[in-house]
Protein backbone atom coordinates (compact mmCIF):
# COMPACT_ATOMS: atom_id res chain seq x y z
CA MET A 1 0.20 0.24 -0.23
CA ALA A 2 1.18 3.55 -0.98
CA ASP A 3 2.46 6.22 1.71
CA THR A 4 -0.60 8.22 2.30
CA PRO A 5 -0.04 12.28 2.75
CA THR A 6 0.45 13.65 6.82
CA THR A 7 -1.82 16.83 7.60
CA SER A 8 -0.66 19.02 9.27
CA THR A 9 -1.66 17.63 13.42
CA GLY A 10 0.44 14.59 12.08
CA LEU A 11 -1.58 12.12 11.15
CA LYS A 12 -2.07 10.25 8.50
CA GLN A 13 -4.94 11.76 5.69
CA ASN A 14 -6.74 9.22 5.75
CA VAL A 15 -7.13 8.85 10.10
CA ALA A 16 -8.01 12.70 9.29
CA ALA A 17 -11.13 11.32 7.39
CA LEU A 18 -11.98 9.27 9.42
CA LEU A 19 -11.87 10.59 12.13
CA CYS A 20 -13.61 13.61 11.04
CA TYR A 21 -17.06 10.94 10.92
CA ILE A 22 -15.70 9.20 14.40
CA LEU A 23 -18.62 11.73 16.30
CA GLY A 24 -20.42 12.56 14.01
CA TRP A 25 -20.47 16.53 13.15
CA ILE A 26 -18.25 17.29 16.44
CA THR A 27 -15.48 15.89 15.39
CA GLY A 28 -16.56 17.18 11.45
CA ILE A 29 -16.34 20.88 13.57
CA ILE A 30 -13.45 19.71 14.85
CA PHE A 31 -11.34 18.79 11.99
CA LEU A 32 -12.17 22.10 10.10
CA ILE A 33 -10.68 24.48 12.67
CA LEU A 34 -7.84 21.84 12.60
CA GLU A 35 -7.06 21.88 10.30
CA PRO A 36 -8.16 24.58 7.14
CA ASN A 37 -5.89 24.05 4.24
CA ASN A 38 -6.09 20.79 3.74
CA LYS A 39 -8.61 20.10 1.04
CA THR A 40 -9.30 16.09 1.26
CA ILE A 41 -9.85 17.14 4.88
CA LYS A 42 -11.56 20.20 4.73
CA PHE A 43 -14.13 17.90 2.77
CA HIS A 44 -15.12 14.94 4.72
CA ALA A 45 -15.11 17.76 8.46
CA ILE A 46 -18.00 20.38 5.57
CA GLN A 47 -19.73 16.65 5.29
CA SER A 48 -19.43 14.92 8.27
CA ILE A 49 -21.50 18.64 9.54
CA LEU A 50 -23.97 18.64 7.42
CA VAL A 51 -24.62 15.39 6.90
CA PHE A 52 -24.89 15.16 10.65
CA GLY A 53 -26.48 17.77 11.66
CA ALA A 54 -28.97 17.47 9.80
CA LEU A 55 -30.31 14.48 10.95
CA SER A 56 -29.89 15.51 14.48
CA VAL A 57 -32.08 18.55 13.47
CA ILE A 58 -33.94 15.78 11.22
CA GLY A 59 -34.97 13.39 13.79
CA GLY A 60 -34.70 16.86 16.56
CA LEU A 61 -37.78 18.25 15.40
CA LEU A 62 -39.90 15.56 13.89
CA GLY A 63 -39.71 13.26 17.07
CA TRP A 64 -41.54 15.10 18.84
CA ILE A 65 -44.57 14.05 16.60
CA PRO A 66 -46.87 12.36 18.02
CA PHE A 67 -46.46 8.93 17.86
CA ILE A 68 -45.15 8.55 13.77
CA GLY A 69 -42.73 10.85 15.16
CA ARG A 70 -40.98 9.32 18.26
CA TYR A 71 -42.15 4.81 17.35
CA PHE A 72 -41.19 5.93 13.28
CA ILE A 73 -38.83 8.94 11.59
CA THR A 74 -37.03 8.64 14.63
CA PRO A 75 -35.62 5.11 14.62
CA LEU A 76 -35.56 5.15 10.77
CA VAL A 77 -33.81 8.40 11.25
CA ALA A 78 -30.43 6.77 13.59
CA ILE A 79 -31.12 4.12 11.09
CA VAL A 80 -30.52 6.47 8.42
CA GLY A 81 -27.29 7.72 10.65
CA PHE A 82 -25.42 4.48 11.60
CA ILE A 83 -25.73 3.06 7.94
CA SER A 84 -23.83 6.78 6.62
CA TRP A 85 -21.80 6.63 10.15
CA VAL A 86 -20.63 3.71 8.83
CA ILE A 87 -19.81 3.68 5.04
CA LEU A 88 -17.87 6.99 5.48
CA MET A 89 -16.03 6.42 8.24
CA VAL A 90 -15.45 3.76 5.89
CA LYS A 91 -14.42 5.08 2.52
CA ALA A 92 -12.77 8.10 4.23
CA SER A 93 -10.61 5.07 5.55
CA GLN A 94 -9.34 3.44 1.65
CA GLY A 95 -8.48 6.64 1.13
CA GLY A 96 -11.64 7.56 -1.09
CA LYS A 97 -14.23 9.81 -0.84
CA PHE A 98 -18.03 8.45 -0.64
CA LYS A 99 -20.48 11.94 -2.12
CA TYR A 100 -22.73 11.90 -0.30
CA PRO A 101 -26.16 14.02 -2.27
CA ILE A 102 -26.33 17.17 -1.93
CA ALA A 103 -24.45 17.34 1.14
CA GLY A 104 -21.26 16.44 -0.46
CA ASN A 105 -21.61 18.61 -3.89
CA TYR A 106 -21.18 21.08 -1.01
CA ALA A 107 -18.79 20.85 1.08
CA GLU A 108 -17.04 19.53 -2.22
CA LYS A 109 -17.92 23.32 -3.21
CA TRP A 110 -17.50 24.69 -0.41
CA SER A 111 -13.50 23.22 1.01
CA ALA A 112 -12.63 23.61 -3.00
């Protein structure tokens, strides 16, 4: 396997990209602050903030709907979030990127 570039934090780029997703939007913000000049890390950080921030807001707001929110929407958002989390972390750790619909386009645009 070829050497992966390192970041200004001393982490390999694929490890830093994976860590952008580890705690959702929280680590996205942390790595956006720590690595403002690395386009790859910036992409993953912004995508993490957008995807998991949106899922948090959607789950929080729609979870208040009586019955449907609590027993259908919240579990559905949790499942989508978990599957997204795994896919994004695996792709990032492999050095690739998975562009999430809509959020990935914004992340790519804003990280350029």
